[in-house]
């Protein structure tokens, strides 16, 4: 689950409620990428980035209510956080559940 604005135009007033998202691997396509396609010509289509369950970047006033993050049985080295929030003002987690793909390596939530 990915929500992303830009630094100049953040996504605002987002509410996610009662979501249960699981990340697993079942294809032969390379992982560890964010896919921005289709996009403007100045924005790269595929970007190297590890895979959290929820990724929120460049946002303001975001609420996750009764949301869950989980991992399937085929975990990959690029799998990371239950929630990764970057440049997010006003993040409010209400009964959020989830662990990192590798709890000894990553925290569940990266802010």
C-alpha atoms as a PDB file:
ATOM      1  CA  UNK A   1       0.000   0.000   0.000  1.00  0.00           C
ATOM      2  CA  UNK A   2       1.700   3.166  -1.149  1.00  0.00           C
ATOM      3  CA  UNK A   3       0.637   6.781  -0.682  1.00  0.00           C
ATOM      4  CA  UNK A   4       2.989   9.412  -2.033  1.00  0.00           C
ATOM      5  CA  UNK A   5       2.789  13.108  -2.725  1.00  0.00           C
ATOM      6  CA  UNK A   6       5.638  15.445  -3.540  1.00  0.00           C
ATOM      7  CA  UNK A   7       7.506  17.788  -1.224  1.00  0.00           C
ATOM      8  CA  UNK A   8       5.758  20.751  -2.857  1.00  0.00           C
ATOM      9  CA  UNK A   9       2.345  19.050  -3.022  1.00  0.00           C
ATOM     10  CA  UNK A  10       1.876  16.572  -0.186  1.00  0.00           C
ATOM     11  CA  UNK A  11      -1.124  14.286  -0.040  1.00  0.00           C
ATOM     12  CA  UNK A  12      -3.441  15.626   2.694  1.00  0.00           C
ATOM     13  CA  UNK A  13      -6.270  14.339   4.888  1.00  0.00           C
ATOM     14  CA  UNK A  14      -5.966  10.604   4.213  1.00  0.00           C
ATOM     15  CA  UNK A  15      -7.905   8.020   6.227  1.00  0.00           C
ATOM     16  CA  UNK A  16      -7.289   4.287   5.815  1.00  0.00           C
ATOM     17  CA  UNK A  17      -9.661   2.135   7.836  1.00  0.00           C
ATOM     18  CA  UNK A  18     -10.001  -1.633   8.270  1.00  0.00           C
ATOM     19  CA  UNK A  19      -7.274  -2.606   5.808  1.00  0.00           C
ATOM     20  CA  UNK A  20      -5.411  -5.913   6.093  1.00  0.00           C
ATOM     21  CA  UNK A  21      -2.452  -5.909   3.691  1.00  0.00           C
ATOM     22  CA  UNK A  22      -0.079  -8.855   3.185  1.00  0.00           C
ATOM     23  CA  UNK A  23       3.133  -8.715   1.144  1.00  0.00           C
ATOM     24  CA  UNK A  24       4.476 -11.927  -0.399  1.00  0.00           C
ATOM     25  CA  UNK A  25       6.542 -12.955  -3.397  1.00  0.00           C
ATOM     26  CA  UNK A  26       5.277 -15.140  -6.251  1.00  0.00           C
ATOM     27  CA  UNK A  27       6.722 -13.703  -9.483  1.00  0.00           C
ATOM     28  CA  UNK A  28      10.112 -13.799 -11.171  1.00  0.00           C
ATOM     29  CA  UNK A  29      10.228 -10.017 -11.629  1.00  0.00           C
ATOM     30  CA  UNK A  30      12.951  -8.332  -9.569  1.00  0.00           C
ATOM     31  CA  UNK A  31      11.798  -6.925  -6.238  1.00  0.00           C
ATOM     32  CA  UNK A  32      13.015  -3.947  -4.288  1.00  0.00           C
ATOM     33  CA  UNK A  33      11.486  -1.394  -6.668  1.00  0.00           C
ATOM     34  CA  UNK A  34       8.845   1.299  -6.455  1.00  0.00           C
ATOM     35  CA  UNK A  35       6.906   1.530  -9.703  1.00  0.00           C
ATOM     36  CA  UNK A  36       5.904   5.106 -10.525  1.00  0.00           C
ATOM     37  CA  UNK A  37       4.549   4.326 -13.999  1.00  0.00           C
ATOM     38  CA  UNK A  38       2.782   6.011 -15.672  1.00  0.00           C
ATOM     39  CA  UNK A  39       4.469   9.229 -14.663  1.00  0.00           C
ATOM     40  CA  UNK A  40       5.719  12.555 -15.908  1.00  0.00           C
ATOM     41  CA  UNK A  41       8.856  12.429 -18.084  1.00  0.00           C
ATOM     42  CA  UNK A  42      11.026  13.973 -15.336  1.00  0.00           C
ATOM     43  CA  UNK A  43      10.035  11.285 -12.796  1.00  0.00           C
ATOM     44  CA  UNK A  44      11.779   7.913 -13.098  1.00  0.00           C
ATOM     45  CA  UNK A  45       9.460   4.960 -13.729  1.00  0.00           C
ATOM     46  CA  UNK A  46      11.174   2.322 -11.587  1.00  0.00           C
ATOM     47  CA  UNK A  47      13.097   3.356  -8.476  1.00  0.00           C
ATOM     48  CA  UNK A  48      15.205   1.127  -6.248  1.00  0.00           C
ATOM     49  CA  UNK A  49      13.486   0.954  -2.863  1.00  0.00           C
ATOM     50  CA  UNK A  50      12.976  -1.760  -0.279  1.00  0.00           C
ATOM     51  CA  UNK A  51       9.427  -3.038   0.244  1.00  0.00           C
ATOM     52  CA  UNK A  52       7.424  -2.067   3.338  1.00  0.00           C
ATOM     53  CA  UNK A  53       3.797  -3.160   3.714  1.00  0.00           C
ATOM     54  CA  UNK A  54       2.600   0.457   4.016  1.00  0.00           C
ATOM     55  CA  UNK A  55       4.661   3.294   2.532  1.00  0.00           C
ATOM     56  CA  UNK A  56       3.581   6.882   3.114  1.00  0.00           C
ATOM     57  CA  UNK A  57       5.747   9.689   1.794  1.00  0.00           C
ATOM     58  CA  UNK A  58       5.219  13.445   1.523  1.00  0.00           C
ATOM     59  CA  UNK A  59       1.867  13.582   3.274  1.00  0.00           C
ATOM     60  CA  UNK A  60       0.004  15.505   5.954  1.00  0.00           C
ATOM     61  CA  UNK A  61      -2.746  14.460   8.365  1.00  0.00           C
ATOM     62  CA  UNK A  62      -2.821  10.715   7.709  1.00  0.00           C
ATOM     63  CA  UNK A  63      -4.833   8.314   9.891  1.00  0.00           C
ATOM     64  CA  UNK A  64      -4.621   4.537   9.866  1.00  0.00           C
ATOM     65  CA  UNK A  65      -7.471   3.029  11.877  1.00  0.00           C
ATOM     66  CA  UNK A  66      -7.675  -0.722  12.571  1.00  0.00           C
ATOM     67  CA  UNK A  67      -5.118  -1.493   9.843  1.00  0.00           C
ATOM     68  CA  UNK A  68      -2.913  -4.599   9.761  1.00  0.00           C
ATOM     69  CA  UNK A  69       0.382  -5.360   8.048  1.00  0.00           C
ATOM     70  CA  UNK A  70       1.633  -8.906   7.504  1.00  0.00           C
ATOM     71  CA  UNK A  71       4.103 -10.948   5.470  1.00  0.00           C
ATOM     72  CA  UNK A  72       3.572 -14.106   3.441  1.00  0.00           C
ATOM     73  CA  UNK A  73       5.699 -17.238   3.675  1.00  0.00           C
ATOM     74  CA  UNK A  74       8.084 -16.266   0.849  1.00  0.00           C
ATOM     75  CA  UNK A  75       9.861 -13.306   2.439  1.00  0.00           C
ATOM     76  CA  UNK A  76      12.504 -11.584   0.376  1.00  0.00           C
ATOM     77  CA  UNK A  77      15.645  -9.695   1.481  1.00  0.00           C
ATOM     78  CA  UNK A  78      14.089  -6.424   0.244  1.00  0.00           C
ATOM     79  CA  UNK A  79      11.063  -6.757   2.606  1.00  0.00           C
ATOM     80  CA  UNK A  80      11.357  -4.329   5.523  1.00  0.00           C
ATOM     81  CA  UNK A  81       8.898  -2.394   7.702  1.00  0.00           C
ATOM     82  CA  UNK A  82       5.234  -2.835   8.504  1.00  0.00           C
ATOM     83  CA  UNK A  83       4.978   0.949   8.010  1.00  0.00           C
ATOM     84  CA  UNK A  84       7.487   3.381   6.550  1.00  0.00           C
ATOM     85  CA  UNK A  85       6.568   7.066   6.875  1.00  0.00           C
ATOM     86  CA  UNK A  86       8.846   9.680   5.319  1.00  0.00           C
ATOM     87  CA  UNK A  87       8.126  13.402   5.495  1.00  0.00           C
ATOM     88  CA  UNK A  88       4.703  12.809   7.048  1.00  0.00           C
ATOM     89  CA  UNK A  89       3.244  15.442   9.382  1.00  0.00           C
ATOM     90  CA  UNK A  90       0.326  14.419  11.563  1.00  0.00           C
ATOM     91  CA  UNK A  91       0.522  10.624  11.300  1.00  0.00           C
ATOM     92  CA  UNK A  92      -2.067   9.065  13.615  1.00  0.00           C
ATOM     93  CA  UNK A  93      -2.075   5.285  14.152  1.00  0.00           C
ATOM     94  CA  UNK A  94      -5.154   3.851  15.879  1.00  0.00           C
ATOM     95  CA  UNK A  95      -4.924   0.119  16.669  1.00  0.00           C
ATOM     96  CA  UNK A  96      -2.295  -0.480  13.968  1.00  0.00           C
ATOM     97  CA  UNK A  97      -0.929  -4.045  13.964  1.00  0.00           C
ATOM     98  CA  UNK A  98       2.187  -5.312  12.239  1.00  0.00           C
ATOM     99  CA  UNK A  99       5.796  -6.356  12.542  1.00  0.00           C
ATOM    100  CA  UNK A 100       8.830  -5.885  10.356  1.00  0.00           C
ATOM    101  CA  UNK A 101       9.630  -8.635   7.880  1.00  0.00           C
ATOM    102  CA  UNK A 102      12.825  -9.252   9.870  1.00  0.00           C
ATOM    103  CA  UNK A 103      12.216  -7.959  13.425  1.00  0.00           C
ATOM    104  CA  UNK A 104      15.873  -8.371  14.440  1.00  0.00           C
ATOM    105  CA  UNK A 105      16.960  -6.129  11.577  1.00  0.00           C
ATOM    106  CA  UNK A 106      14.188  -3.539  11.274  1.00  0.00           C
ATOM    107  CA  UNK A 107      11.681  -1.863  13.598  1.00  0.00           C
ATOM    108  CA  UNK A 108       8.002  -2.390  12.783  1.00  0.00           C
ATOM    109  CA  UNK A 109       7.531   1.322  12.090  1.00  0.00           C
ATOM    110  CA  UNK A 110      10.062   3.695  10.560  1.00  0.00           C
ATOM    111  CA  UNK A 111       9.241   7.400  10.873  1.00  0.00           C
END
